[in-house]
Amino acid sequence: MKVLVTVKEIGEVDDDFAIDGTEIAASDLEYDLNEWDDYAIEAGVRLVEEGLADEVVSVTIGPSRAEETIRMALAKGVDRAVRVWDDALETEFADVESKVDVLEAVVDEEGPDLVLSGVQAADNAFGATGVALAERIGFEHAAVVNDLEIDADGGIANVHRELEGGIEELTEVDLPAVLTVQTGLNEPRYASLRGIRQAQRKEIAAMDLADLDLSAADVESALTLTSMYEPESESDAEMIEGDTGEAAGRLAEVLREKGVGA
């Protein structure tokens, strides 16, 4: 069984940042592995360690800068990686359909039995890519998976899902399948020094759209980012400073002004 894991590099910002046009200033961004994808990586690597899968491959849509993040996935046990990038993908906002176009082509190339993806992305909080990919390639799917057992002989994934309202669902999903995983599925490992060294020797296959028989028109985003701004705060909150007595006195004064206790 081959496992394909989608891996996204995300840009993280501190509390203070600048906006440059319709983007956050590059100098204020630090890049890292998407948290939810880390759990998907761990799930795939464990399947190989348990003898249930022969290989786990990661796929990332991103520029050469993303290779540092990809190496982290390789250091955690991914066997090899695919990185797809093209000038046509260098848009401010790639929609789900454009990403699925690329991932579908990679699935056709790799022929996985199981695709694992994080349930959402930490940068934009989108969570539709995995499910949309399953529909496109005709795989069964389950979302928000927080427990997983694979019956390789039966060709079934036994999954546990925690749904809204405290509902817990146990279900069987026929392979091949796409599963989007939730945090708590496992405990992602730290990359060991040995793993980091080994990752430097593992393959990252760089591909562009032509390699996947795609054109710029195939991945044209239907969404356009028109503006980005920090919303103005309408809060009139007052920070009360001073020692305990001073703070208590000021709090009592504010409460009287607001008519509390009158």
Protein backbone atom coordinates (compact mmCIF):
# COMPACT_ATOMS: atom_id res chain seq x y z
CA MET A 1 0.00 0.00 0.00
CA LYS A 2 1.24 3.47 -0.88
CA VAL A 3 0.30 6.48 1.26
CA LEU A 4 0.32 10.01 -0.15
CA VAL A 5 0.36 12.88 2.37
CA THR A 6 -0.41 16.46 1.40
CA VAL A 7 1.95 18.89 3.12
CA LYS A 8 1.47 22.64 3.18
CA GLU A 9 3.97 25.28 4.17
CA ILE A 10 2.24 28.11 6.02
CA GLY A 11 3.31 31.65 6.78
CA GLU A 12 3.03 32.59 10.46
CA VAL A 13 2.94 36.15 11.84
CA ASP A 14 3.47 37.73 15.24
CA ASP A 15 1.03 40.17 16.80
CA ASP A 16 2.74 43.08 15.06
CA PHE A 17 3.02 42.99 11.28
CA ALA A 18 2.78 45.24 8.25
CA ILE A 19 0.57 44.88 5.20
CA ASP A 20 2.18 45.31 1.79
CA GLY A 21 -0.55 45.79 -0.80
CA THR A 22 -2.78 42.75 -0.54
CA GLU A 23 -0.26 40.64 1.35
CA ILE A 24 1.42 40.55 4.71
CA ALA A 25 4.94 41.92 4.38
CA ALA A 26 7.35 39.09 3.62
CA SER A 27 9.73 40.33 6.32
CA ASP A 28 7.04 39.64 8.94
CA LEU A 29 6.42 36.04 7.90
CA GLU A 30 8.04 32.90 9.24
CA TYR A 31 7.34 29.65 7.43
CA ASP A 32 6.58 26.32 9.01
CA LEU A 33 4.79 23.01 8.52
CA ASN A 34 1.01 23.19 8.79
CA GLU A 35 0.06 21.79 12.21
CA TRP A 36 -2.69 19.48 10.97
CA ASP A 37 -0.46 18.07 8.23
CA ASP A 38 2.04 17.08 10.91
CA TYR A 39 -0.53 14.61 12.28
CA ALA A 40 -1.14 13.28 8.76
CA ILE A 41 2.60 12.72 8.31
CA GLU A 42 2.81 10.84 11.58
CA ALA A 43 -0.15 8.64 10.61
CA GLY A 44 1.46 7.75 7.28
CA VAL A 45 4.86 7.00 8.80
CA ARG A 46 3.29 4.76 11.45
CA LEU A 47 1.52 2.74 8.77
CA VAL A 48 4.91 2.01 7.19
CA GLU A 49 6.47 1.15 10.57
CA GLU A 50 3.58 -1.21 11.31
CA GLY A 51 4.08 -2.99 8.00
CA LEU A 52 0.70 -1.86 6.67
CA ALA A 53 2.18 0.41 3.99
CA ASP A 54 5.22 0.07 1.77
CA GLU A 55 5.90 3.76 1.20
CA VAL A 56 4.76 7.20 2.31
CA VAL A 57 5.20 10.08 -0.13
CA SER A 58 4.47 13.74 0.53
CA VAL A 59 3.26 16.31 -1.99
CA THR A 60 3.62 20.05 -1.57
CA ILE A 61 2.50 22.90 -3.80
CA GLY A 62 5.07 25.59 -3.15
CA PRO A 63 8.22 27.41 -4.31
CA SER A 64 11.78 26.28 -3.66
CA ARG A 65 11.65 28.03 -0.28
CA ALA A 66 9.24 25.27 0.84
CA GLU A 67 11.96 22.64 0.60
CA GLU A 68 13.09 23.45 4.14
CA THR A 69 9.61 22.54 5.39
CA ILE A 70 9.54 19.47 3.15
CA ARG A 71 12.85 18.32 4.63
CA MET A 72 11.21 18.41 8.05
CA ALA A 73 8.58 15.95 6.79
CA LEU A 74 11.33 13.76 5.34
CA ALA A 75 13.22 13.92 8.64
CA LYS A 76 10.12 12.57 10.38
CA GLY A 77 10.04 9.48 8.20
CA VAL A 78 8.47 10.35 4.84
CA ASP A 79 10.28 8.27 2.19
CA ARG A 80 10.31 10.83 -0.60
CA ALA A 81 8.63 14.06 -1.58
CA VAL A 82 7.09 15.77 -4.58
CA ARG A 83 7.13 19.56 -4.85
CA VAL A 84 5.04 21.23 -7.54
CA TRP A 85 5.55 24.83 -8.56
CA ASP A 86 5.13 26.96 -11.64
CA ASP A 87 4.97 30.66 -12.43
CA ALA A 88 1.25 30.18 -13.09
CA LEU A 89 0.79 29.11 -9.46
CA GLU A 90 2.41 32.28 -8.12
CA THR A 91 -0.86 33.98 -7.33
CA GLU A 92 -1.85 35.90 -4.23
CA PHE A 93 -4.76 33.58 -3.57
CA ALA A 94 -5.03 30.08 -5.06
CA ASP A 95 -8.52 28.66 -4.73
CA VAL A 96 -9.36 25.07 -3.78
CA GLU A 97 -10.14 24.01 -7.33
CA SER A 98 -6.72 25.11 -8.57
CA LYS A 99 -4.99 23.12 -5.83
CA VAL A 100 -7.13 20.08 -6.55
CA ASP A 101 -6.20 20.27 -10.24
CA VAL A 102 -2.55 19.88 -9.24
CA LEU A 103 -3.12 17.24 -6.58
CA GLU A 104 -5.30 15.18 -8.91
CA ALA A 105 -2.44 15.07 -11.41
CA VAL A 106 -0.01 13.95 -8.69
CA VAL A 107 -2.43 11.22 -7.58
CA ASP A 108 -2.57 10.01 -11.19
CA GLU A 109 1.23 9.89 -11.25
CA GLU A 110 1.70 8.20 -7.87
CA GLY A 111 -1.31 5.88 -7.70
CA PRO A 112 -1.73 5.91 -3.89
CA ASP A 113 -4.10 3.64 -1.98
CA LEU A 114 -4.57 6.20 0.78
CA VAL A 115 -4.33 9.99 0.77
CA LEU A 116 -3.91 11.73 4.14
CA SER A 117 -4.38 15.45 4.59
CA GLY A 118 -4.71 17.83 7.50
CA VAL A 119 -8.31 18.80 8.12
CA GLN A 120 -7.49 22.49 7.64
CA ALA A 121 -4.73 24.99 7.00
CA ALA A 122 -3.52 27.15 9.87
CA ASP A 123 -2.92 30.24 7.73
CA ASN A 124 -6.32 30.70 6.09
CA ALA A 125 -8.39 28.14 8.07
CA PHE A 126 -9.67 26.59 4.84
CA GLY A 127 -10.61 22.92 5.10
CA ALA A 128 -12.07 21.94 1.73
CA THR A 129 -9.07 20.71 -0.25
CA GLY A 130 -9.00 17.10 0.96
CA VAL A 131 -12.73 16.54 0.52
CA ALA A 132 -12.73 18.26 -2.89
CA LEU A 133 -9.82 16.06 -3.98
CA ALA A 134 -11.69 12.91 -2.96
CA GLU A 135 -14.68 13.92 -5.06
CA ARG A 136 -12.49 14.74 -8.05
CA ILE A 137 -10.55 11.47 -8.06
CA GLY A 138 -13.50 9.29 -7.07
CA PHE A 139 -12.09 8.06 -3.75
CA GLU A 140 -14.23 7.50 -0.68
CA HIS A 141 -13.47 9.95 2.08
CA ALA A 142 -13.89 10.80 5.74
CA ALA A 143 -13.19 14.15 7.37
CA VAL A 144 -12.18 15.17 10.90
CA VAL A 145 -10.65 11.76 11.62
CA ASN A 146 -9.16 11.47 15.11
CA ASP A 147 -8.57 7.70 15.26
CA LEU A 148 -7.56 5.34 12.48
CA GLU A 149 -7.01 1.62 11.99
CA ILE A 150 -6.24 0.09 8.62
CA ASP A 151 -7.42 -3.38 7.63
CA ALA A 152 -5.06 -3.92 4.71
CA ASP A 153 -6.36 -7.40 3.90
CA GLY A 154 -9.96 -6.21 3.85
CA GLY A 155 -9.12 -2.97 2.08
CA ILE A 156 -10.87 -0.93 4.76
CA ALA A 157 -10.01 2.05 6.94
CA ASN A 158 -11.78 2.01 10.30
CA VAL A 159 -12.11 5.64 11.33
CA HIS A 160 -13.39 7.52 14.34
CA ARG A 161 -14.79 11.02 13.88
CA GLU A 162 -15.80 13.57 16.49
CA LEU A 163 -18.65 15.61 15.05
CA GLU A 164 -20.58 18.69 16.13
CA GLY A 165 -22.73 18.41 19.21
CA GLY A 166 -20.45 15.86 20.85
CA ILE A 167 -21.46 13.12 18.43
CA GLU A 168 -18.86 10.40 17.88
CA GLU A 169 -18.97 8.32 14.72
CA LEU A 170 -17.28 5.00 14.01
CA THR A 171 -17.37 4.03 10.36
CA GLU A 172 -15.66 1.96 7.69
CA VAL A 173 -14.24 3.56 4.59
CA ASP A 174 -13.28 1.43 1.61
CA LEU A 175 -9.81 1.94 0.18
CA PRO A 176 -8.62 3.76 -1.84
CA ALA A 177 -9.69 6.73 0.24
CA VAL A 178 -8.89 10.29 1.25
CA LEU A 179 -8.88 11.00 4.99
CA THR A 180 -8.54 14.49 6.47
CA VAL A 181 -7.16 14.18 9.98
CA GLN A 182 -7.70 16.17 13.13
CA THR A 183 -5.21 17.06 15.84
CA GLY A 184 -5.23 14.38 18.51
CA LEU A 185 -5.08 11.53 16.01
CA ASN A 186 -1.59 10.75 17.33
CA GLU A 187 1.44 12.43 18.85
CA PRO A 188 3.68 13.76 16.05
CA ARG A 189 7.31 12.89 16.60
CA TYR A 190 10.18 15.31 16.75
CA ALA A 191 12.69 15.09 13.95
CA SER A 192 15.80 13.40 15.34
CA LEU A 193 19.29 14.54 14.44
CA ARG A 194 19.73 11.28 12.51
CA GLY A 195 16.44 11.86 10.71
CA ILE A 196 17.49 15.39 9.77
CA ARG A 197 20.75 14.08 8.33
CA GLN A 198 18.96 11.33 6.40
CA ALA A 199 16.46 13.85 5.05
CA GLN A 200 19.24 15.64 3.22
CA ARG A 201 19.76 12.52 1.10
CA LYS A 202 16.09 11.82 0.37
CA GLU A 203 14.52 12.74 -2.94
CA ILE A 204 12.46 15.86 -3.51
CA ALA A 205 11.12 15.64 -7.05
CA ALA A 206 10.54 19.17 -8.35
CA MET A 207 7.77 19.29 -10.95
CA ASP A 208 6.07 22.04 -12.92
CA LEU A 209 2.71 22.09 -14.67
CA ALA A 210 4.14 20.69 -17.90
CA ASP A 211 5.44 17.64 -16.02
CA LEU A 212 1.87 16.96 -14.93
CA ASP A 213 0.34 17.66 -18.36
CA LEU A 214 -1.35 20.78 -17.02
CA SER A 215 -1.49 24.30 -18.41
CA ALA A 216 -1.76 27.71 -16.79
CA ALA A 217 -5.44 27.80 -17.77
CA ASP A 218 -6.05 24.58 -15.82
CA VAL A 219 -4.97 26.15 -12.53
CA GLU A 220 -6.29 29.68 -12.98
CA SER A 221 -7.82 30.78 -9.70
CA ALA A 222 -11.45 31.87 -9.69
CA LEU A 223 -10.78 34.06 -6.65
CA THR A 224 -9.08 37.43 -6.59
CA LEU A 225 -7.83 39.10 -3.45
CA THR A 226 -8.87 42.75 -3.75
CA SER A 227 -7.72 44.20 -0.43
CA MET A 228 -6.18 43.41 2.92
CA TYR A 229 -6.41 45.60 6.00
CA GLU A 230 -6.50 45.49 9.76
CA PRO A 231 -10.02 46.17 11.03
CA GLU A 232 -10.34 49.18 13.30
CA SER A 233 -11.02 48.31 16.88
CA GLU A 234 -14.29 49.64 18.25
CA SER A 235 -13.49 48.63 21.81
CA ASP A 236 -13.34 51.28 24.51
CA ALA A 237 -11.63 48.94 26.95
CA GLU A 238 -9.57 50.59 29.66
CA MET A 239 -6.51 48.92 31.10
CA ILE A 240 -6.52 49.52 34.86
CA GLU A 241 -3.01 49.95 36.23
CA GLY A 242 -1.55 50.48 39.67
CA ASP A 243 -1.36 48.43 42.83
CA THR A 244 -4.26 46.38 44.19
CA GLY A 245 -5.82 49.27 46.12
CA GLU A 246 -5.57 51.71 43.22
CA ALA A 247 -6.93 49.16 40.75
CA ALA A 248 -9.86 48.29 43.03
CA GLY A 249 -10.69 51.96 43.54
CA ARG A 250 -10.65 52.68 39.81
CA LEU A 251 -12.75 49.58 39.09
CA ALA A 252 -15.35 50.68 41.61
CA GLU A 253 -15.38 54.14 40.04
CA VAL A 254 -15.94 52.71 36.56
CA LEU A 255 -18.74 50.50 37.79
CA ARG A 256 -20.47 53.47 39.39
CA GLU A 257 -20.12 55.44 36.15
CA LYS A 258 -21.75 52.55 34.26
CA GLY A 259 -24.62 52.46 36.72
CA VAL A 260 -23.75 49.05 38.13
CA GLY A 261 -25.23 48.58 41.59
CA ALA A 262 -27.24 51.79 41.38
